[in-house]
Full PDB file with SEQRES, HELIX, SHEET, SSBOND, CRYST1, ORIGX, SCALE, CONECT and MASTER records, all heavy atoms in Angstrom:
SEQRES   1 A   34  TYR ARG GLN LEU ASP TYR TRP ALA ARG THR GLY LEU VAL          
SEQRES   2 A   34  GLU PRO SER VAL ARG PRO ALA TYR GLY SER GLY SER GLN          
SEQRES   3 A   34  ARG LEU TYR SER PHE ARG ASP VAL                              
HELIX    1 AA1 ARG A    2  ARG A    9  1                                   8    
CRYST1    1.000    1.000    1.000  90.00  90.00  90.00 P 1           1          
ORIGX1      1.000000  0.000000  0.000000        0.00000                         
ORIGX2      0.000000  1.000000  0.000000        0.00000                         
ORIGX3      0.000000  0.000000  1.000000        0.00000                         
SCALE1      1.000000  0.000000  0.000000        0.00000                         
SCALE2      0.000000  1.000000  0.000000        0.00000                         
SCALE3      0.000000  0.000000  1.000000        0.00000                         
ATOM      1  N   TYR A   1      -3.129   7.382   7.836  1.00  0.00           N  
ATOM      2  CA  TYR A   1      -3.164   7.067   6.431  1.00  0.00           C  
ATOM      3  C   TYR A   1      -1.924   7.659   5.741  1.00  0.00           C  
ATOM      4  O   TYR A   1      -1.368   7.091   4.805  1.00  0.00           O  
ATOM      5  CB  TYR A   1      -4.433   7.558   5.757  1.00  0.00           C  
ATOM      6  CG  TYR A   1      -4.579   6.962   4.388  1.00  0.00           C  
ATOM      7  CD1 TYR A   1      -5.130   5.730   4.200  1.00  0.00           C  
ATOM      8  CD2 TYR A   1      -4.185   7.703   3.270  1.00  0.00           C  
ATOM      9  CE1 TYR A   1      -5.236   5.150   2.944  1.00  0.00           C  
ATOM     10  CE2 TYR A   1      -4.280   7.141   1.988  1.00  0.00           C  
ATOM     11  CZ  TYR A   1      -4.808   5.874   1.839  1.00  0.00           C  
ATOM     12  OH  TYR A   1      -4.908   5.306   0.569  1.00  0.00           O  
ATOM     13  N   ARG A   2      -1.491   8.812   6.205  1.00  0.00           N  
ATOM     14  CA  ARG A   2      -0.328   9.469   5.680  1.00  0.00           C  
ATOM     15  C   ARG A   2       0.931   8.560   5.850  1.00  0.00           C  
ATOM     16  O   ARG A   2       1.741   8.405   4.921  1.00  0.00           O  
ATOM     17  CB  ARG A   2      -0.118  10.805   6.343  1.00  0.00           C  
ATOM     18  CG  ARG A   2       0.981  11.604   5.777  1.00  0.00           C  
ATOM     19  CD  ARG A   2       1.109  12.952   6.499  1.00  0.00           C  
ATOM     20  NE  ARG A   2       1.680  13.900   5.627  1.00  0.00           N  
ATOM     21  CZ  ARG A   2       1.435  15.169   5.622  1.00  0.00           C  
ATOM     22  NH1 ARG A   2       0.569  15.676   6.497  1.00  0.00           N  
ATOM     23  NH2 ARG A   2       1.987  15.990   4.772  1.00  0.00           N  
ATOM     24  N   GLN A   3       1.095   7.957   7.020  1.00  0.00           N  
ATOM     25  CA  GLN A   3       2.198   7.021   7.254  1.00  0.00           C  
ATOM     26  C   GLN A   3       2.093   5.821   6.328  1.00  0.00           C  
ATOM     27  O   GLN A   3       3.052   5.431   5.691  1.00  0.00           O  
ATOM     28  CB  GLN A   3       2.200   6.502   8.702  1.00  0.00           C  
ATOM     29  CG  GLN A   3       2.695   7.484   9.718  1.00  0.00           C  
ATOM     30  CD  GLN A   3       2.506   6.924  11.122  1.00  0.00           C  
ATOM     31  OE1 GLN A   3       1.400   6.594  11.538  1.00  0.00           O  
ATOM     32  NE2 GLN A   3       3.618   6.839  11.850  1.00  0.00           N  
ATOM     33  N   LEU A   4       0.888   5.252   6.232  1.00  0.00           N  
ATOM     34  CA  LEU A   4       0.662   4.090   5.374  1.00  0.00           C  
ATOM     35  C   LEU A   4       1.060   4.375   3.926  1.00  0.00           C  
ATOM     36  O   LEU A   4       1.777   3.625   3.293  1.00  0.00           O  
ATOM     37  CB  LEU A   4      -0.818   3.652   5.465  1.00  0.00           C  
ATOM     38  CG  LEU A   4      -1.184   2.443   4.636  1.00  0.00           C  
ATOM     39  CD1 LEU A   4      -0.634   1.176   5.297  1.00  0.00           C  
ATOM     40  CD2 LEU A   4      -2.691   2.337   4.508  1.00  0.00           C  
ATOM     41  N   ASP A   5       0.612   5.520   3.430  1.00  0.00           N  
ATOM     42  CA  ASP A   5       0.906   5.923   2.063  1.00  0.00           C  
ATOM     43  C   ASP A   5       2.394   6.116   1.867  1.00  0.00           C  
ATOM     44  O   ASP A   5       2.973   5.638   0.871  1.00  0.00           O  
ATOM     45  CB  ASP A   5       0.139   7.201   1.736  1.00  0.00           C  
ATOM     46  CG  ASP A   5       0.359   7.668   0.297  1.00  0.00           C  
ATOM     47  OD1 ASP A   5       0.059   6.850  -0.610  1.00  0.00           O  
ATOM     48  OD2 ASP A   5       0.798   8.797   0.098  1.00  0.00           O  
ATOM     49  N   TYR A   6       3.051   6.769   2.827  1.00  0.00           N  
ATOM     50  CA  TYR A   6       4.478   7.026   2.701  1.00  0.00           C  
ATOM     51  C   TYR A   6       5.269   5.692   2.710  1.00  0.00           C  
ATOM     52  O   TYR A   6       6.176   5.511   1.922  1.00  0.00           O  
ATOM     53  CB  TYR A   6       4.948   7.928   3.853  1.00  0.00           C  
ATOM     54  CG  TYR A   6       6.435   8.184   3.819  1.00  0.00           C  
ATOM     55  CD1 TYR A   6       6.966   9.079   2.891  1.00  0.00           C  
ATOM     56  CD2 TYR A   6       7.277   7.578   4.748  1.00  0.00           C  
ATOM     57  CE1 TYR A   6       8.353   9.323   2.858  1.00  0.00           C  
ATOM     58  CE2 TYR A   6       8.633   7.831   4.715  1.00  0.00           C  
ATOM     59  CZ  TYR A   6       9.175   8.713   3.793  1.00  0.00           C  
ATOM     60  OH  TYR A   6      10.509   8.934   3.747  1.00  0.00           O  
ATOM     61  N   TRP A   7       4.896   4.805   3.611  1.00  0.00           N  
ATOM     62  CA  TRP A   7       5.584   3.524   3.727  1.00  0.00           C  
ATOM     63  C   TRP A   7       5.409   2.711   2.445  1.00  0.00           C  
ATOM     64  O   TRP A   7       6.317   2.003   2.020  1.00  0.00           O  
ATOM     65  CB  TRP A   7       5.104   2.737   4.921  1.00  0.00           C  
ATOM     66  CG  TRP A   7       5.435   3.337   6.276  1.00  0.00           C  
ATOM     67  CD1 TRP A   7       6.251   4.420   6.475  1.00  0.00           C  
ATOM     68  CD2 TRP A   7       4.988   2.951   7.540  1.00  0.00           C  
ATOM     69  NE1 TRP A   7       6.337   4.722   7.807  1.00  0.00           N  
ATOM     70  CE2 TRP A   7       5.552   3.812   8.471  1.00  0.00           C  
ATOM     71  CE3 TRP A   7       4.150   1.930   7.968  1.00  0.00           C  
ATOM     72  CZ2 TRP A   7       5.296   3.706   9.844  1.00  0.00           C  
ATOM     73  CZ3 TRP A   7       3.902   1.832   9.327  1.00  0.00           C  
ATOM     74  CH2 TRP A   7       4.504   2.703  10.243  1.00  0.00           C  
ATOM     75  N   ALA A   8       4.232   2.785   1.825  1.00  0.00           N  
ATOM     76  CA  ALA A   8       3.997   2.069   0.572  1.00  0.00           C  
ATOM     77  C   ALA A   8       4.831   2.697  -0.573  1.00  0.00           C  
ATOM     78  O   ALA A   8       5.463   1.982  -1.336  1.00  0.00           O  
ATOM     79  CB  ALA A   8       2.525   2.079   0.220  1.00  0.00           C  
ATOM     80  N   ARG A   9       4.811   4.049  -0.648  1.00  0.00           N  
ATOM     81  CA  ARG A   9       5.557   4.701  -1.748  1.00  0.00           C  
ATOM     82  C   ARG A   9       7.058   4.521  -1.624  1.00  0.00           C  
ATOM     83  O   ARG A   9       7.769   4.482  -2.615  1.00  0.00           O  
ATOM     84  CB  ARG A   9       5.213   6.176  -1.773  1.00  0.00           C  
ATOM     85  CG  ARG A   9       3.830   6.441  -2.359  1.00  0.00           C  
ATOM     86  CD  ARG A   9       3.492   7.923  -2.535  1.00  0.00           C  
ATOM     87  NE  ARG A   9       3.324   8.614  -1.261  1.00  0.00           N  
ATOM     88  CZ  ARG A   9       4.177   9.516  -0.763  1.00  0.00           C  
ATOM     89  NH1 ARG A   9       5.255   9.853  -1.419  1.00  0.00           N  
ATOM     90  NH2 ARG A   9       3.951  10.090   0.373  1.00  0.00           N  
ATOM     91  N   THR A  10       7.585   4.407  -0.393  1.00  0.00           N  
ATOM     92  CA  THR A  10       9.026   4.272  -0.206  1.00  0.00           C  
ATOM     93  C   THR A  10       9.436   2.792  -0.161  1.00  0.00           C  
ATOM     94  O   THR A  10      10.652   2.503  -0.041  1.00  0.00           O  
ATOM     95  CB  THR A  10       9.499   4.934   1.118  1.00  0.00           C  
ATOM     96  OG1 THR A  10       8.825   4.358   2.213  1.00  0.00           O  
ATOM     97  CG2 THR A  10       9.248   6.446   1.065  1.00  0.00           C  
ATOM     98  N   GLY A  11       8.488   1.870  -0.228  1.00  0.00           N  
ATOM     99  CA  GLY A  11       8.818   0.450  -0.274  1.00  0.00           C  
ATOM    100  C   GLY A  11       9.094  -0.170   1.094  1.00  0.00           C  
ATOM    101  O   GLY A  11       9.512  -1.319   1.172  1.00  0.00           O  
ATOM    102  N   LEU A  12       8.781   0.556   2.170  1.00  0.00           N  
ATOM    103  CA  LEU A  12       8.984  -0.054   3.503  1.00  0.00           C  
ATOM    104  C   LEU A  12       8.038  -1.215   3.708  1.00  0.00           C  
ATOM    105  O   LEU A  12       8.441  -2.339   4.047  1.00  0.00           O  
ATOM    106  CB  LEU A  12       8.823   0.997   4.601  1.00  0.00           C  
ATOM    107  CG  LEU A  12       8.978   0.526   6.011  1.00  0.00           C  
ATOM    108  CD1 LEU A  12      10.411  -0.031   6.259  1.00  0.00           C  
ATOM    109  CD2 LEU A  12       8.711   1.636   7.017  1.00  0.00           C  
ATOM    110  N   VAL A  13       6.754  -0.964   3.541  1.00  0.00           N  
ATOM    111  CA  VAL A  13       5.749  -2.042   3.567  1.00  0.00           C  
ATOM    112  C   VAL A  13       4.788  -1.771   2.410  1.00  0.00           C  
ATOM    113  O   VAL A  13       3.960  -0.894   2.483  1.00  0.00           O  
ATOM    114  CB  VAL A  13       4.952  -2.065   4.886  1.00  0.00           C  
ATOM    115  CG1 VAL A  13       3.966  -3.236   4.882  1.00  0.00           C  
ATOM    116  CG2 VAL A  13       5.888  -2.201   6.093  1.00  0.00           C  
ATOM    117  N   GLU A  14       4.946  -2.562   1.368  1.00  0.00           N  
ATOM    118  CA  GLU A  14       4.101  -2.425   0.201  1.00  0.00           C  
ATOM    119  C   GLU A  14       2.943  -3.443   0.294  1.00  0.00           C  
ATOM    120  O   GLU A  14       3.139  -4.566   0.788  1.00  0.00           O  
ATOM    121  CB  GLU A  14       4.886  -2.682  -1.061  1.00  0.00           C  
ATOM    122  CG  GLU A  14       5.977  -1.637  -1.302  1.00  0.00           C  
ATOM    123  CD  GLU A  14       6.861  -1.995  -2.492  1.00  0.00           C  
ATOM    124  OE1 GLU A  14       7.669  -2.930  -2.351  1.00  0.00           O  
ATOM    125  OE2 GLU A  14       6.668  -1.329  -3.514  1.00  0.00           O  
ATOM    126  N   PRO A  15       1.772  -3.093  -0.217  1.00  0.00           N  
ATOM    127  CA  PRO A  15       0.662  -4.026  -0.175  1.00  0.00           C  
ATOM    128  C   PRO A  15       0.931  -5.218  -1.101  1.00  0.00           C  
ATOM    129  O   PRO A  15       1.295  -5.019  -2.256  1.00  0.00           O  
ATOM    130  CB  PRO A  15      -0.523  -3.222  -0.666  1.00  0.00           C  
ATOM    131  CG  PRO A  15       0.060  -2.100  -1.450  1.00  0.00           C  
ATOM    132  CD  PRO A  15       1.422  -1.819  -0.862  1.00  0.00           C  
ATOM    133  N   SER A  16       0.796  -6.419  -0.574  1.00  0.00           N  
ATOM    134  CA  SER A  16       1.091  -7.619  -1.378  1.00  0.00           C  
ATOM    135  C   SER A  16      -0.117  -8.121  -2.201  1.00  0.00           C  
ATOM    136  O   SER A  16       0.076  -8.906  -3.115  1.00  0.00           O  
ATOM    137  CB  SER A  16       1.622  -8.751  -0.495  1.00  0.00           C  
ATOM    138  OG  SER A  16       0.663  -9.123   0.430  1.00  0.00           O  
ATOM    139  N   VAL A  17      -1.311  -7.680  -1.856  1.00  0.00           N  
ATOM    140  CA  VAL A  17      -2.496  -8.112  -2.597  1.00  0.00           C  
ATOM    141  C   VAL A  17      -2.691  -7.268  -3.868  1.00  0.00           C  
ATOM    142  O   VAL A  17      -2.774  -7.787  -4.946  1.00  0.00           O  
ATOM    143  CB  VAL A  17      -3.764  -8.087  -1.708  1.00  0.00           C  
ATOM    144  CG1 VAL A  17      -4.994  -8.461  -2.516  1.00  0.00           C  
ATOM    145  CG2 VAL A  17      -3.594  -8.981  -0.524  1.00  0.00           C  
ATOM    146  N   ARG A  18      -2.718  -5.946  -3.679  1.00  0.00           N  
ATOM    147  CA  ARG A  18      -2.918  -5.073  -4.858  1.00  0.00           C  
ATOM    148  C   ARG A  18      -2.252  -3.717  -4.573  1.00  0.00           C  
ATOM    149  O   ARG A  18      -2.707  -2.972  -3.693  1.00  0.00           O  
ATOM    150  CB  ARG A  18      -4.370  -4.895  -5.149  1.00  0.00           C  
ATOM    151  CG  ARG A  18      -4.636  -4.082  -6.413  1.00  0.00           C  
ATOM    152  CD  ARG A  18      -6.110  -4.035  -6.779  1.00  0.00           C  
ATOM    153  NE  ARG A  18      -6.898  -3.334  -5.809  1.00  0.00           N  
ATOM    154  CZ  ARG A  18      -8.153  -3.640  -5.517  1.00  0.00           C  
ATOM    155  NH1 ARG A  18      -8.770  -4.628  -6.146  1.00  0.00           N  
ATOM    156  NH2 ARG A  18      -8.832  -2.972  -4.632  1.00  0.00           N  
ATOM    157  N   PRO A  19      -1.213  -3.371  -5.321  1.00  0.00           N  
ATOM    158  CA  PRO A  19      -0.633  -2.044  -5.180  1.00  0.00           C  
ATOM    159  C   PRO A  19      -1.517  -0.982  -5.838  1.00  0.00           C  
ATOM    160  O   PRO A  19      -2.413  -1.350  -6.591  1.00  0.00           O  
ATOM    161  CB  PRO A  19       0.726  -2.201  -5.918  1.00  0.00           C  
ATOM    162  CG  PRO A  19       0.534  -3.253  -6.898  1.00  0.00           C  
ATOM    163  CD  PRO A  19      -0.491  -4.205  -6.314  1.00  0.00           C  
ATOM    164  N   ALA A  20      -1.223   0.276  -5.576  1.00  0.00           N  
ATOM    165  CA  ALA A  20      -1.951   1.351  -6.219  1.00  0.00           C  
ATOM    166  C   ALA A  20      -1.507   1.480  -7.661  1.00  0.00           C  
ATOM    167  O   ALA A  20      -0.282   1.426  -7.933  1.00  0.00           O  
ATOM    168  CB  ALA A  20      -1.730   2.629  -5.472  1.00  0.00           C  
ATOM    169  N   TYR A  21      -2.433   1.600  -8.561  1.00  0.00           N  
ATOM    170  CA  TYR A  21      -2.138   1.824  -9.983  1.00  0.00           C  
ATOM    171  C   TYR A  21      -2.730   3.153 -10.372  1.00  0.00           C  
ATOM    172  O   TYR A  21      -3.817   3.199 -10.876  1.00  0.00           O  
ATOM    173  CB  TYR A  21      -2.683   0.712 -10.872  1.00  0.00           C  
ATOM    174  CG  TYR A  21      -2.005  -0.622 -10.651  1.00  0.00           C  
ATOM    175  CD1 TYR A  21      -2.683  -1.654 -10.025  1.00  0.00           C  
ATOM    176  CD2 TYR A  21      -0.697  -0.797 -11.077  1.00  0.00           C  
ATOM    177  CE1 TYR A  21      -2.056  -2.891  -9.845  1.00  0.00           C  
ATOM    178  CE2 TYR A  21      -0.067  -2.019 -10.883  1.00  0.00           C  
ATOM    179  CZ  TYR A  21      -0.768  -3.057 -10.287  1.00  0.00           C  
ATOM    180  OH  TYR A  21      -0.123  -4.257 -10.090  1.00  0.00           O  
ATOM    181  N   GLY A  22      -2.044   4.254 -10.121  1.00  0.00           N  
ATOM    182  CA  GLY A  22      -2.512   5.569 -10.527  1.00  0.00           C  
ATOM    183  C   GLY A  22      -3.543   6.141  -9.578  1.00  0.00           C  
ATOM    184  O   GLY A  22      -3.898   5.537  -8.564  1.00  0.00           O  
ATOM    185  N   SER A  23      -4.048   7.281  -9.933  1.00  0.00           N  
ATOM    186  CA  SER A  23      -4.970   8.046  -9.101  1.00  0.00           C  
ATOM    187  C   SER A  23      -6.301   7.282  -8.946  1.00  0.00           C  
ATOM    188  O   SER A  23      -6.854   6.817  -9.925  1.00  0.00           O  
ATOM    189  CB  SER A  23      -5.184   9.390  -9.734  1.00  0.00           C  
ATOM    190  OG  SER A  23      -6.131  10.113  -8.994  1.00  0.00           O  
ATOM    191  N   GLY A  24      -6.767   7.251  -7.718  1.00  0.00           N  
ATOM    192  CA  GLY A  24      -8.096   6.661  -7.469  1.00  0.00           C  
ATOM    193  C   GLY A  24      -8.081   5.146  -7.229  1.00  0.00           C  
ATOM    194  O   GLY A  24      -9.127   4.596  -6.863  1.00  0.00           O  
ATOM    195  N   SER A  25      -6.976   4.471  -7.485  1.00  0.00           N  
ATOM    196  CA  SER A  25      -6.970   3.017  -7.258  1.00  0.00           C  
ATOM    197  C   SER A  25      -6.763   2.769  -5.785  1.00  0.00           C  
ATOM    198  O   SER A  25      -6.155   3.560  -5.080  1.00  0.00           O  
ATOM    199  CB  SER A  25      -5.895   2.348  -8.100  1.00  0.00           C  
ATOM    200  OG  SER A  25      -4.632   2.734  -7.668  1.00  0.00           O  
ATOM    201  N   GLN A  26      -7.263   1.631  -5.331  1.00  0.00           N  
ATOM    202  CA  GLN A  26      -7.192   1.260  -3.908  1.00  0.00           C  
ATOM    203  C   GLN A  26      -6.150   0.172  -3.674  1.00  0.00           C  
ATOM    204  O   GLN A  26      -6.230  -0.881  -4.306  1.00  0.00           O  
ATOM    205  CB  GLN A  26      -8.569   0.732  -3.428  1.00  0.00           C  
ATOM    206  CG  GLN A  26      -9.633   1.800  -3.370  1.00  0.00           C  
ATOM    207  CD  GLN A  26      -9.500   2.656  -2.112  1.00  0.00           C  
ATOM    208  OE1 GLN A  26      -9.016   2.164  -1.063  1.00  0.00           O  
ATOM    209  NE2 GLN A  26      -9.872   3.903  -2.190  1.00  0.00           N  
ATOM    210  N   ARG A  27      -5.221   0.437  -2.789  1.00  0.00           N  
ATOM    211  CA  ARG A  27      -4.295  -0.613  -2.411  1.00  0.00           C  
ATOM    212  C   ARG A  27      -5.043  -1.614  -1.543  1.00  0.00           C  
ATOM    213  O   ARG A  27      -5.934  -1.240  -0.786  1.00  0.00           O  
ATOM    214  CB  ARG A  27      -3.152  -0.031  -1.550  1.00  0.00           C  
ATOM    215  CG  ARG A  27      -2.260   0.897  -2.292  1.00  0.00           C  
ATOM    216  CD  ARG A  27      -1.129   1.358  -1.321  1.00  0.00           C  
ATOM    217  NE  ARG A  27      -0.300   2.348  -1.986  1.00  0.00           N  
ATOM    218  CZ  ARG A  27      -0.309   3.644  -1.668  1.00  0.00           C  
ATOM    219  NH1 ARG A  27      -1.103   4.114  -0.730  1.00  0.00           N  
ATOM    220  NH2 ARG A  27       0.479   4.479  -2.291  1.00  0.00           N  
ATOM    221  N   LEU A  28      -4.633  -2.878  -1.647  1.00  0.00           N  
ATOM    222  CA  LEU A  28      -5.159  -3.926  -0.758  1.00  0.00           C  
ATOM    223  C   LEU A  28      -4.021  -4.592  -0.051  1.00  0.00           C  
ATOM    224  O   LEU A  28      -3.083  -5.081  -0.705  1.00  0.00           O  
ATOM    225  CB  LEU A  28      -5.995  -4.948  -1.534  1.00  0.00           C  
ATOM    226  CG  LEU A  28      -7.427  -4.604  -1.894  1.00  0.00           C  
ATOM    227  CD1 LEU A  28      -8.115  -5.784  -2.590  1.00  0.00           C  
ATOM    228  CD2 LEU A  28      -8.248  -4.202  -0.675  1.00  0.00           C  
ATOM    229  N   TYR A  29      -4.113  -4.676   1.284  1.00  0.00           N  
ATOM    230  CA  TYR A  29      -3.108  -5.251   2.106  1.00  0.00           C  
ATOM    231  C   TYR A  29      -3.543  -6.646   2.566  1.00  0.00           C  
ATOM    232  O   TYR A  29      -4.707  -6.832   2.895  1.00  0.00           O  
ATOM    233  CB  TYR A  29      -2.810  -4.380   3.333  1.00  0.00           C  
ATOM    234  CG  TYR A  29      -2.138  -3.077   2.957  1.00  0.00           C  
ATOM    235  CD1 TYR A  29      -2.907  -1.984   2.553  1.00  0.00           C  
ATOM    236  CD2 TYR A  29      -0.759  -2.943   3.000  1.00  0.00           C  
ATOM    237  CE1 TYR A  29      -2.276  -0.789   2.199  1.00  0.00           C  
ATOM    238  CE2 TYR A  29      -0.162  -1.760   2.673  1.00  0.00           C  
ATOM    239  CZ  TYR A  29      -0.910  -0.684   2.264  1.00  0.00           C  
ATOM    240  OH  TYR A  29      -0.298   0.484   1.892  1.00  0.00           O  
ATOM    241  N   SER A  30      -2.598  -7.581   2.616  1.00  0.00           N  
ATOM    242  CA  SER A  30      -2.909  -8.901   3.145  1.00  0.00           C  
ATOM    243  C   SER A  30      -2.873  -8.859   4.664  1.00  0.00           C  
ATOM    244  O   SER A  30      -2.426  -7.892   5.262  1.00  0.00           O  
ATOM    245  CB  SER A  30      -1.875  -9.927   2.655  1.00  0.00           C  
ATOM    246  OG  SER A  30      -0.601  -9.699   3.272  1.00  0.00           O  
ATOM    247  N   PHE A  31      -3.354  -9.954   5.267  1.00  0.00           N  
ATOM    248  CA  PHE A  31      -3.316 -10.061   6.733  1.00  0.00           C  
ATOM    249  C   PHE A  31      -1.869  -9.911   7.193  1.00  0.00           C  
ATOM    250  O   PHE A  31      -1.576  -9.165   8.133  1.00  0.00           O  
ATOM    251  CB  PHE A  31      -3.882 -11.408   7.162  1.00  0.00           C  
ATOM    252  CG  PHE A  31      -3.775 -11.637   8.634  1.00  0.00           C  
ATOM    253  CD1 PHE A  31      -4.693 -11.072   9.517  1.00  0.00           C  
ATOM    254  CD2 PHE A  31      -2.750 -12.397   9.170  1.00  0.00           C  
ATOM    255  CE1 PHE A  31      -4.565 -11.232  10.881  1.00  0.00           C  
ATOM    256  CE2 PHE A  31      -2.623 -12.565  10.538  1.00  0.00           C  
ATOM    257  CZ  PHE A  31      -3.552 -11.994  11.395  1.00  0.00           C  
ATOM    258  N   ARG A  32      -0.906 -10.585   6.573  1.00  0.00           N  
ATOM    259  CA  ARG A  32       0.480 -10.539   6.965  1.00  0.00           C  
ATOM    260  C   ARG A  32       0.999  -9.098   6.842  1.00  0.00           C  
ATOM    261  O   ARG A  32       1.757  -8.639   7.668  1.00  0.00           O  
ATOM    262  CB  ARG A  32       1.352 -11.503   6.160  1.00  0.00           C  
ATOM    263  CG  ARG A  32       2.829 -11.424   6.576  1.00  0.00           C  
ATOM    264  CD  ARG A  32       3.707 -12.277   5.716  1.00  0.00           C  
ATOM    265  NE  ARG A  32       3.441 -13.653   5.953  1.00  0.00           N  
ATOM    266  CZ  ARG A  32       4.386 -14.527   6.325  1.00  0.00           C  
ATOM    267  NH1 ARG A  32       5.621 -14.137   6.443  1.00  0.00           N  
ATOM    268  NH2 ARG A  32       4.079 -15.758   6.561  1.00  0.00           N  
ATOM    269  N   ASP A  33       0.613  -8.418   5.782  1.00  0.00           N  
ATOM    270  CA  ASP A  33       1.007  -7.008   5.612  1.00  0.00           C  
ATOM    271  C   ASP A  33       0.574  -6.182   6.833  1.00  0.00           C  
ATOM    272  O   ASP A  33       1.333  -5.341   7.320  1.00  0.00           O  
ATOM    273  CB  ASP A  33       0.370  -6.371   4.366  1.00  0.00           C  
ATOM    274  CG  ASP A  33       0.819  -6.963   3.053  1.00  0.00           C  
ATOM    275  OD1 ASP A  33       1.882  -7.577   3.012  1.00  0.00           O  
ATOM    276  OD2 ASP A  33       0.054  -6.809   2.060  1.00  0.00           O  
ATOM    277  N   VAL A  34      -0.646  -6.402   7.299  1.00  0.00           N  
ATOM    278  CA  VAL A  34      -1.147  -5.644   8.418  1.00  0.00           C  
ATOM    279  C   VAL A  34      -0.363  -5.972   9.691  1.00  0.00           C  
ATOM    280  O   VAL A  34      -0.036  -5.071  10.509  1.00  0.00           O  
ATOM    281  CB  VAL A  34      -2.670  -5.874   8.628  1.00  0.00           C  
ATOM    282  CG1 VAL A  34      -3.195  -5.115   9.867  1.00  0.00           C  
ATOM    283  CG2 VAL A  34      -3.435  -5.455   7.354  1.00  0.00           C  
TER     284      VAL A  34                                                      
MASTER        0    0    0    1    0    0    0    6  283    1    0    3          
END                                                                             
């Protein structure tokens, strides 16, 4: 999860369905993202 979070925060692989919006929000990744 640490890698996933880092890659999203640095823009390497960002979730295309729903990015995180502040504390407590859940990112959602598409099938292609995975």
